[in-house]
Protein backbone atom coordinates (compact mmCIF):
# COMPACT_ATOMS: atom_id res chain seq x y z
CA MET A 1 -354.06 -48.18 20.92
CA GLN A 2 -350.37 -48.20 21.80
CA LYS A 3 -349.22 -51.21 19.75
CA ALA A 4 -349.78 -52.36 16.18
CA ILE A 5 -349.27 -55.36 13.91
CA LEU A 6 -348.78 -54.90 10.17
CA ILE A 7 -349.50 -58.07 8.16
CA ILE A 8 -348.30 -58.04 4.56
CA LEU A 9 -349.49 -60.82 2.29
CA ASP A 10 -347.05 -60.64 -0.60
CA GLY A 11 -348.63 -60.19 -4.04
CA LEU A 12 -352.13 -60.23 -2.49
CA GLY A 13 -354.01 -58.16 -5.08
CA ASP A 14 -355.25 -59.67 -8.34
CA LEU A 15 -357.70 -59.16 -11.19
CA PRO A 16 -361.00 -61.06 -11.55
CA ASP A 17 -361.21 -64.24 -13.58
CA SER A 18 -363.96 -65.12 -16.07
CA ARG A 19 -366.37 -65.60 -13.16
CA GLY A 20 -365.63 -62.15 -11.81
CA LYS A 21 -363.68 -63.46 -8.82
CA THR A 22 -360.16 -62.76 -7.61
CA PRO A 23 -358.42 -65.34 -5.41
CA LEU A 24 -359.14 -63.10 -2.40
CA SER A 25 -362.78 -62.35 -3.21
CA GLY A 26 -363.42 -66.03 -3.94
CA ALA A 27 -361.80 -67.20 -0.71
CA LYS A 28 -363.68 -67.99 2.50
CA THR A 29 -362.16 -65.52 4.96
CA PRO A 30 -364.48 -65.12 7.98
CA ASN A 31 -361.71 -63.83 10.24
CA MET A 32 -360.47 -61.20 7.80
CA ASP A 33 -364.07 -60.19 7.15
CA LYS A 34 -364.67 -59.84 10.88
CA LEU A 35 -361.77 -57.39 11.10
CA ALA A 36 -363.11 -55.49 8.09
CA LYS A 37 -366.54 -55.16 9.71
CA ALA A 38 -364.98 -53.91 12.94
CA GLY A 39 -362.60 -51.47 11.26
CA ILE A 40 -362.06 -49.29 8.23
CA CYS A 41 -360.88 -50.25 4.75
CA GLY A 42 -359.47 -48.73 1.59
CA MET A 43 -357.21 -49.30 -1.40
CA LEU A 44 -353.44 -48.86 -1.36
CA SER A 45 -350.95 -48.04 -4.12
CA PRO A 46 -347.67 -49.13 -2.48
CA ILE A 47 -345.37 -46.84 -4.50
CA GLY A 48 -347.95 -44.59 -6.14
CA ARG A 49 -350.79 -45.06 -8.60
CA GLY A 50 -349.98 -47.27 -11.55
CA ASN A 51 -346.35 -47.79 -10.57
CA VAL A 52 -345.28 -51.45 -10.55
CA PRO A 53 -343.55 -52.15 -7.22
CA GLY A 54 -340.67 -54.43 -6.50
CA SER A 55 -341.00 -56.19 -3.16
CA ASP A 56 -337.96 -54.27 -1.91
CA THR A 57 -339.13 -50.73 -2.77
CA SER A 58 -342.67 -51.41 -1.59
CA HIS A 59 -341.67 -52.82 1.80
CA LEU A 60 -339.30 -49.96 2.53
CA THR A 61 -342.03 -47.47 1.67
CA LEU A 62 -344.76 -49.22 3.67
CA LEU A 63 -342.49 -49.37 6.72
CA GLY A 64 -341.95 -45.62 6.68
CA TYR A 65 -338.83 -45.35 4.53
CA PRO A 66 -339.91 -43.98 1.11
CA TYR A 67 -337.94 -45.83 -1.53
CA TRP A 68 -336.60 -42.70 -3.23
CA GLU A 69 -334.87 -41.77 0.05
CA SER A 70 -333.74 -45.19 1.27
CA TYR A 71 -333.38 -47.75 -1.52
CA CYS A 72 -329.81 -49.02 -1.89
CA GLY A 73 -330.47 -51.88 -4.33
CA ARG A 74 -331.64 -55.45 -3.89
CA GLY A 75 -328.19 -56.92 -3.27
CA PRO A 76 -327.49 -55.31 0.12
CA LEU A 77 -330.96 -56.13 1.42
CA GLU A 78 -330.65 -59.81 0.47
CA ALA A 79 -327.15 -59.94 1.98
CA LEU A 80 -328.38 -58.53 5.28
CA GLY A 81 -331.28 -60.95 5.27
CA SER A 82 -328.97 -63.91 4.75
CA GLY A 83 -326.98 -62.93 7.83
CA MET A 84 -324.01 -61.12 6.29
CA GLU A 85 -322.66 -58.05 8.05
CA LEU A 86 -322.20 -55.04 5.78
CA ARG A 87 -320.22 -51.84 6.05
CA LYS A 88 -320.96 -48.52 4.40
CA GLY A 89 -319.79 -48.65 0.78
CA ASP A 90 -319.83 -52.44 0.45
CA VAL A 91 -321.18 -53.53 -2.94
CA ALA A 92 -323.45 -56.56 -2.73
CA PHE A 93 -324.86 -58.82 -5.44
CA ARG A 94 -327.40 -61.61 -5.59
CA ALA A 95 -325.67 -64.70 -6.97
CA ASN A 96 -326.56 -68.05 -8.50
CA PHE A 97 -324.57 -71.23 -8.88
CA ALA A 98 -324.90 -72.08 -12.58
CA THR A 99 -323.88 -74.70 -15.11
CA VAL A 100 -321.61 -73.49 -17.91
CA GLU A 101 -320.23 -75.52 -20.82
CA ASN A 102 -317.63 -74.09 -23.21
CA GLY A 103 -318.40 -70.62 -21.92
CA GLU A 104 -322.14 -70.96 -22.56
CA ILE A 105 -324.77 -70.96 -19.81
CA ILE A 106 -326.62 -74.29 -19.82
CA ASP A 107 -328.63 -73.83 -16.61
CA ARG A 108 -328.54 -70.62 -14.55
CA ARG A 109 -329.61 -72.56 -11.44
CA ALA A 110 -327.32 -75.59 -11.80
CA GLY A 111 -330.31 -77.91 -11.75
CA ARG A 112 -331.55 -76.18 -8.58
CA ILE A 113 -328.66 -77.70 -6.68
CA GLU A 114 -329.50 -78.83 -3.16
CA THR A 115 -328.63 -76.45 -0.33
CA SER A 116 -326.33 -78.99 1.34
CA ALA A 117 -324.42 -79.59 -1.89
CA ALA A 118 -324.08 -75.87 -2.58
CA MET A 119 -322.75 -75.28 0.92
CA LYS A 120 -319.93 -77.76 0.25
CA LEU A 121 -318.89 -75.80 -2.83
CA GLU A 122 -318.79 -72.48 -1.00
CA LYS A 123 -315.35 -73.16 0.48
CA TYR A 124 -313.68 -73.03 -2.93
CA ILE A 125 -314.76 -69.43 -3.57
CA ARG A 126 -315.62 -68.15 -0.10
CA ASP A 127 -313.00 -65.41 0.34
CA MET A 128 -310.68 -63.77 -2.19
CA GLU A 129 -308.49 -60.69 -2.49
CA ILE A 130 -308.85 -58.95 -5.86
CA GLU A 131 -307.50 -55.51 -6.77
CA GLY A 132 -306.85 -54.77 -3.11
CA CYS A 133 -310.46 -55.53 -2.16
CA THR A 134 -312.00 -58.33 -0.12
CA VAL A 135 -314.47 -60.45 -2.07
CA MET A 136 -316.82 -62.64 -0.03
CA PHE A 137 -319.18 -65.30 -1.39
CA ARG A 138 -321.76 -67.03 0.79
CA SER A 139 -324.14 -69.79 -0.26
CA THR A 140 -327.69 -69.39 1.07
CA VAL A 141 -330.57 -71.59 -0.20
CA GLU A 142 -330.36 -74.08 -3.07
CA HIS A 143 -328.55 -72.41 -6.02
CA ARG A 144 -328.70 -68.96 -4.45
CA GLY A 145 -325.92 -67.03 -2.79
CA MET A 146 -324.55 -63.57 -2.08
CA LEU A 147 -321.40 -61.82 -3.21
CA VAL A 148 -320.00 -58.81 -1.36
CA ILE A 149 -317.05 -56.67 -2.45
CA ARG A 150 -315.41 -54.54 0.25
CA GLY A 151 -312.80 -51.89 -0.38
CA SER A 152 -312.17 -48.38 -1.62
CA ASN A 153 -313.26 -46.61 -4.81
CA LEU A 154 -316.14 -48.97 -5.53
CA GLY A 155 -319.34 -48.11 -7.35
CA ALA A 156 -322.48 -50.19 -7.75
CA GLU A 157 -323.46 -49.08 -11.25
CA VAL A 158 -322.36 -52.21 -13.09
CA SER A 159 -324.08 -54.61 -15.46
CA ASP A 160 -325.08 -58.11 -14.38
CA THR A 161 -323.21 -61.27 -15.27
CA ASP A 162 -326.51 -63.16 -15.09
CA PRO A 163 -328.32 -62.61 -18.41
CA HIS A 164 -331.30 -64.84 -17.51
CA ALA A 165 -330.72 -66.64 -20.80
CA LYS A 166 -328.75 -69.52 -22.31
CA VAL A 167 -325.98 -67.44 -23.84
CA ALA A 168 -322.28 -66.86 -23.24
CA VAL A 169 -321.45 -65.61 -19.74
CA PRO A 170 -321.31 -61.83 -20.20
CA GLN A 171 -318.58 -59.55 -18.93
CA SER A 172 -319.70 -56.97 -16.41
CA ARG A 173 -319.16 -53.36 -17.44
CA ALA A 174 -319.40 -50.04 -15.66
CA LEU A 175 -322.67 -48.26 -16.37
CA LYS A 176 -321.47 -45.03 -14.80
CA LYS A 177 -318.09 -43.45 -14.16
CA GLY A 178 -316.68 -44.59 -10.83
CA SER A 179 -317.83 -48.20 -11.12
CA GLU A 180 -315.03 -49.45 -13.38
CA LYS A 181 -313.13 -51.07 -10.51
CA THR A 182 -316.21 -52.99 -9.37
CA ALA A 183 -316.80 -54.38 -12.87
CA LYS A 184 -313.16 -55.43 -13.13
CA ILE A 185 -313.29 -57.22 -9.77
CA LEU A 186 -316.56 -58.96 -10.63
CA ASN A 187 -315.13 -60.24 -13.91
CA GLU A 188 -312.03 -61.55 -12.17
CA PHE A 189 -314.16 -63.24 -9.51
CA THR A 190 -316.26 -64.88 -12.25
CA LYS A 191 -313.09 -66.18 -13.91
CA ARG A 192 -311.59 -67.52 -10.66
CA ALA A 193 -314.88 -69.09 -9.58
CA MET A 194 -315.17 -71.02 -12.84
CA ALA A 195 -311.61 -72.29 -12.46
CA ALA A 196 -312.07 -73.35 -8.83
CA LEU A 197 -315.52 -74.89 -9.20
CA GLY A 198 -314.51 -76.67 -12.38
CA LYS A 199 -311.94 -78.64 -10.37
CA ALA A 200 -314.17 -79.28 -7.34
CA PRO A 201 -314.57 -83.02 -6.72
CA GLU A 202 -318.14 -82.40 -5.51
CA ASN A 203 -319.07 -81.50 -9.08
CA LYS A 204 -317.85 -84.77 -10.56
CA GLY A 205 -320.74 -86.98 -11.53
CA ARG A 206 -323.30 -84.18 -11.43
CA LYS A 207 -325.42 -84.03 -14.57
CA LEU A 208 -325.49 -80.24 -14.16
CA PRO A 209 -322.31 -79.27 -12.29
CA ALA A 210 -322.38 -76.03 -10.34
CA ASN A 211 -319.25 -74.77 -12.08
CA ALA A 212 -319.93 -71.04 -12.32
CA VAL A 213 -321.41 -68.13 -10.37
CA LEU A 214 -323.63 -65.53 -12.03
CA CYS A 215 -324.30 -62.20 -10.30
CA ARG A 216 -327.01 -59.56 -10.51
CA GLY A 217 -328.72 -56.73 -8.61
CA ALA A 218 -325.69 -54.76 -7.43
CA GLY A 219 -326.18 -52.18 -4.72
CA ALA A 220 -323.92 -50.14 -2.46
CA TYR A 221 -324.82 -50.42 1.21
CA CYS A 222 -325.68 -47.17 2.94
CA GLU A 223 -327.16 -46.34 6.33
CA VAL A 224 -330.58 -44.98 7.22
CA GLU A 225 -331.93 -43.60 10.48
CA PRO A 226 -332.67 -46.57 12.77
CA PHE A 227 -336.33 -47.47 13.23
CA ALA A 228 -336.46 -46.89 17.00
CA LYS A 229 -334.68 -43.54 16.79
CA LYS A 230 -336.85 -42.35 13.93
CA ASN A 231 -340.17 -43.39 15.44
CA GLY A 232 -339.60 -43.42 19.19
CA PHE A 233 -340.69 -47.04 19.58
CA SER A 234 -339.33 -50.52 18.86
CA GLY A 235 -340.13 -52.80 15.94
CA ALA A 236 -339.88 -56.54 15.28
CA CYS A 237 -340.05 -58.56 12.06
CA ILE A 238 -341.51 -62.03 11.54
CA ALA A 239 -340.57 -63.35 8.09
CA GLY A 240 -339.12 -66.36 6.32
CA GLY A 241 -337.59 -64.81 3.20
CA ALA A 242 -334.14 -63.23 3.19
CA LEU A 243 -335.28 -60.05 1.44
CA TYR A 244 -337.86 -59.19 4.08
CA LYS A 245 -335.51 -59.96 6.94
CA GLY A 246 -332.95 -57.82 5.14
CA VAL A 247 -335.31 -54.86 4.81
CA ALA A 248 -336.03 -55.11 8.53
CA ARG A 249 -332.34 -55.33 9.48
CA TYR A 250 -331.52 -52.45 7.14
CA ILE A 251 -333.92 -50.11 8.95
CA GLY A 252 -332.96 -51.39 12.40
CA MET A 253 -335.87 -53.64 13.36
CA ASP A 254 -335.33 -56.79 15.40
CA VAL A 255 -335.64 -59.91 13.24
CA LEU A 256 -337.11 -62.81 15.22
CA GLU A 257 -336.48 -66.33 14.00
CA VAL A 258 -339.49 -68.65 13.83
CA GLU A 259 -339.35 -72.44 13.60
CA GLY A 260 -340.92 -73.55 10.34
CA ALA A 261 -341.04 -70.07 8.79
CA THR A 262 -339.68 -71.09 5.41
CA GLY A 263 -340.82 -68.21 3.23
CA ALA A 264 -342.42 -70.86 1.02
CA LYS A 265 -345.81 -72.50 0.50
CA ASP A 266 -345.22 -74.88 3.42
CA THR A 267 -344.48 -72.13 5.95
CA ASN A 268 -345.75 -72.62 9.51
CA LEU A 269 -348.35 -69.85 9.85
CA LYS A 270 -349.36 -70.80 13.38
CA ASN A 271 -345.79 -70.48 14.65
CA LYS A 272 -345.50 -67.10 12.95
CA GLY A 273 -348.70 -65.95 14.64
CA LYS A 274 -347.58 -67.16 18.05
CA LYS A 275 -344.19 -65.48 17.70
CA ALA A 276 -345.76 -62.21 16.54
CA ALA A 277 -348.18 -62.15 19.45
CA ALA A 278 -345.36 -62.87 21.91
CA ALA A 279 -343.21 -60.15 20.34
CA LEU A 280 -345.69 -57.51 21.49
CA LYS A 281 -344.38 -57.97 25.02
CA ASN A 282 -341.10 -56.24 24.16
CA HIS A 283 -342.00 -54.40 20.95
CA ASP A 284 -344.59 -51.77 20.11
CA PHE A 285 -344.78 -52.60 16.41
CA VAL A 286 -344.60 -56.00 14.73
CA PHE A 287 -344.33 -56.59 10.99
CA VAL A 288 -345.48 -60.02 9.79
CA HIS A 289 -344.65 -61.06 6.23
CA VAL A 290 -346.23 -63.96 4.32
CA LYS A 291 -344.71 -64.86 0.95
CA ALA A 292 -346.70 -67.71 -0.59
CA THR A 293 -349.60 -65.62 -1.93
CA ASP A 294 -347.05 -64.11 -4.31
CA SER A 295 -345.50 -67.48 -5.15
CA PHE A 296 -348.84 -68.96 -6.22
CA SER A 297 -349.47 -65.90 -8.39
CA HIS A 298 -346.10 -66.22 -10.13
CA ASP A 299 -346.98 -69.86 -10.80
CA GLY A 300 -350.32 -68.83 -12.33
CA ASP A 301 -352.11 -70.94 -9.71
CA CYS A 302 -355.28 -69.02 -8.82
CA GLY A 303 -356.77 -71.94 -6.91
CA GLY A 304 -353.62 -72.40 -4.88
CA LYS A 305 -353.54 -68.70 -4.06
CA ARG A 306 -357.18 -68.78 -2.93
CA LYS A 307 -356.63 -71.84 -0.74
CA PHE A 308 -353.51 -70.34 0.80
CA ILE A 309 -355.40 -67.14 1.65
CA GLU A 310 -357.93 -69.36 3.41
CA ARG A 311 -355.05 -70.95 5.34
CA VAL A 312 -353.87 -67.51 6.42
CA ASP A 313 -357.38 -66.66 7.56
CA LYS A 314 -357.69 -69.86 9.58
CA GLU A 315 -354.18 -70.26 10.99
CA LEU A 316 -352.65 -66.79 11.32
CA ILE A 317 -355.33 -64.11 11.64
CA PRO A 318 -357.10 -65.48 14.77
CA LEU A 319 -353.84 -65.55 16.74
CA LEU A 320 -353.16 -61.90 15.96
CA ALA A 321 -356.76 -60.74 16.35
CA LYS A 322 -356.73 -62.01 19.96
CA THR A 323 -354.06 -59.49 20.92
CA LYS A 324 -354.93 -55.98 22.05
CA ALA A 325 -352.84 -54.48 19.29
CA GLY A 326 -354.27 -52.69 16.29
CA ILE A 327 -354.28 -54.80 13.12
CA VAL A 328 -353.37 -53.60 9.63
CA LEU A 329 -353.70 -56.11 6.79
CA THR A 330 -352.65 -55.49 3.20
CA GLY A 331 -350.29 -56.54 0.38
CA ASP A 332 -347.04 -55.08 -0.89
CA HIS A 333 -348.27 -55.18 -4.49
CA SER A 334 -350.61 -57.04 -6.80
CA THR A 335 -349.27 -60.11 -8.57
CA LEU A 336 -351.57 -61.29 -11.33
CA CYS A 337 -352.19 -65.00 -11.76
CA ALA A 338 -352.98 -64.41 -15.43
CA SER A 339 -349.52 -63.02 -16.22
CA GLY A 340 -347.46 -64.29 -13.30
CA LYS A 341 -346.07 -60.77 -12.89
CA HIS A 342 -346.26 -57.83 -10.50
CA SER A 343 -348.64 -55.07 -11.54
CA GLY A 344 -349.42 -51.48 -10.59
CA HIS A 345 -352.97 -52.27 -9.47
CA GLU A 346 -353.97 -51.18 -5.97
CA VAL A 347 -354.20 -53.67 -3.11
CA PRO A 348 -356.94 -53.82 -0.46
CA ILE A 349 -356.12 -52.66 3.04
CA LEU A 350 -357.92 -52.84 6.38
CA PHE A 351 -357.31 -51.17 9.73
CA CYS A 352 -358.87 -52.50 12.93
CA GLY A 353 -358.33 -51.21 16.44
CA ASP A 354 -359.44 -48.51 18.82
CA GLY A 355 -357.14 -46.00 17.12
CA PHE A 356 -359.08 -46.21 13.86
CA ARG A 357 -362.53 -45.11 12.78
CA LYS A 358 -365.11 -47.59 11.46
CA ASP A 359 -366.83 -47.77 8.07
CA SER A 360 -369.58 -49.94 6.55
CA VAL A 361 -367.40 -52.45 4.65
CA LYS A 362 -368.38 -56.04 5.43
CA LYS A 363 -365.81 -58.07 3.49
CA PHE A 364 -362.07 -57.89 2.88
CA ASP A 365 -361.39 -58.04 -0.85
CA GLU A 366 -360.48 -55.80 -3.78
CA PHE A 367 -364.09 -54.87 -4.60
CA SER A 368 -365.43 -54.25 -1.10
CA CYS A 369 -362.43 -52.19 -0.02
CA MET A 370 -363.01 -49.78 -2.92
CA GLU A 371 -366.01 -48.55 -0.90
CA GLY A 372 -364.01 -48.15 2.31
CA GLY A 373 -363.73 -45.02 4.39
CA MET A 374 -359.97 -44.72 3.95
CA GLY A 375 -360.44 -44.24 0.22
CA HIS A 376 -357.25 -44.42 -1.82
CA MET A 377 -353.86 -44.29 -0.11
CA ASP A 378 -350.32 -44.10 -1.40
CA GLY A 379 -347.75 -46.31 0.30
CA TRP A 380 -345.92 -43.44 1.98
CA ASP A 381 -349.15 -42.51 3.81
CA LEU A 382 -349.48 -45.89 5.51
CA PHE A 383 -346.92 -45.71 8.28
CA PRO A 384 -347.94 -42.21 9.46
CA VAL A 385 -351.54 -43.48 9.72
CA ILE A 386 -350.37 -46.39 11.87
CA VAL A 387 -348.19 -44.17 14.06
CA ASN A 388 -351.06 -41.73 14.58
CA ALA A 389 -353.42 -44.56 15.58
CA MET A 390 -350.82 -45.72 18.10
CA GLY A 391 -351.00 -42.29 19.72
CA ARG A 392 -347.43 -41.53 18.65
CA GLY A 393 -348.09 -38.97 15.91
CA LYS A 394 -346.01 -35.80 15.92
CA LYS A 395 -347.57 -32.40 15.28
CA VAL A 396 -346.48 -30.58 12.15
CA GLY A 397 -346.17 -26.85 12.76
CA THR A 398 -347.61 -25.03 15.76
């Protein structure tokens, strides 16, 4: 087995409902079950037992970059995923267009402003010079955007200006020594953005004008060893969401664009499968990310999650199973429909290919995989297992 595909269904794991079923165990998944029967299964704790993963820390860890060595904050990863170029030391934030009235936040998403309308507002705050630093704002999808500060003597340990509440817009403050300049620049940007957007003609007539920008999730961009150099083989990413593309770009994987890959519930799974299969021609490892399982969980929609898993089984899995590559299928964390939140519960995992042993598991779900031959794994064990199965493992010692 020289090539492998890692499929991550975001937020896949769950807890049973009153009938004793999780969305996965209640779903009809003949293709996933076929892989389970032909391979070996287990349970995975993406960032260690009981620890509640973020999607950023879990993906880095599962792709061979343990989060405690590589995590630079959510902001830089989202910025990379949205197409921005970063330099070492840049401080990046996630940003929202918001509606503010008399200094108070009315709607932190500006009525979920349309992408096209938000793009028209970008020009008023796109590039600024503040305190000798370059400040760049880019609109991405709907109310969302990215803010990057580039210059000297910047730190990323600053408080958010997005309080996730209907209160006065807070001032950013340095949380550690060395980040004072960043907080000062962010506060000045917030002030200038309100002034510029408040005068924008595009906001006139809007019930919820996008007249402010709120920022959160600061991180200072750093560099890690590129994927191909670290592993000795190439990697490609198939994803719709900016975060997952950003993780891939951060570690040096090729991000392949797919028509209809929206990162949402309407994503084109067949196109993702076709692109992933084709990517094996020029890449030894392909990472395929699917977001909507997590989205349904956050919405508390167990039935929707179950039906979407069935869609994945019908539309995506067969296209990848037809390749000669080894298949690894798992989640980056559990997201519970009951709470709508991430949890530290393990997720099921299966391995299928001639580089893996075989066990007696017959079905892919949380309960069956508990009996699997791989037992319990921590997230940092996953990538070495894949590399070994590809015949690329490196001997430790003599």
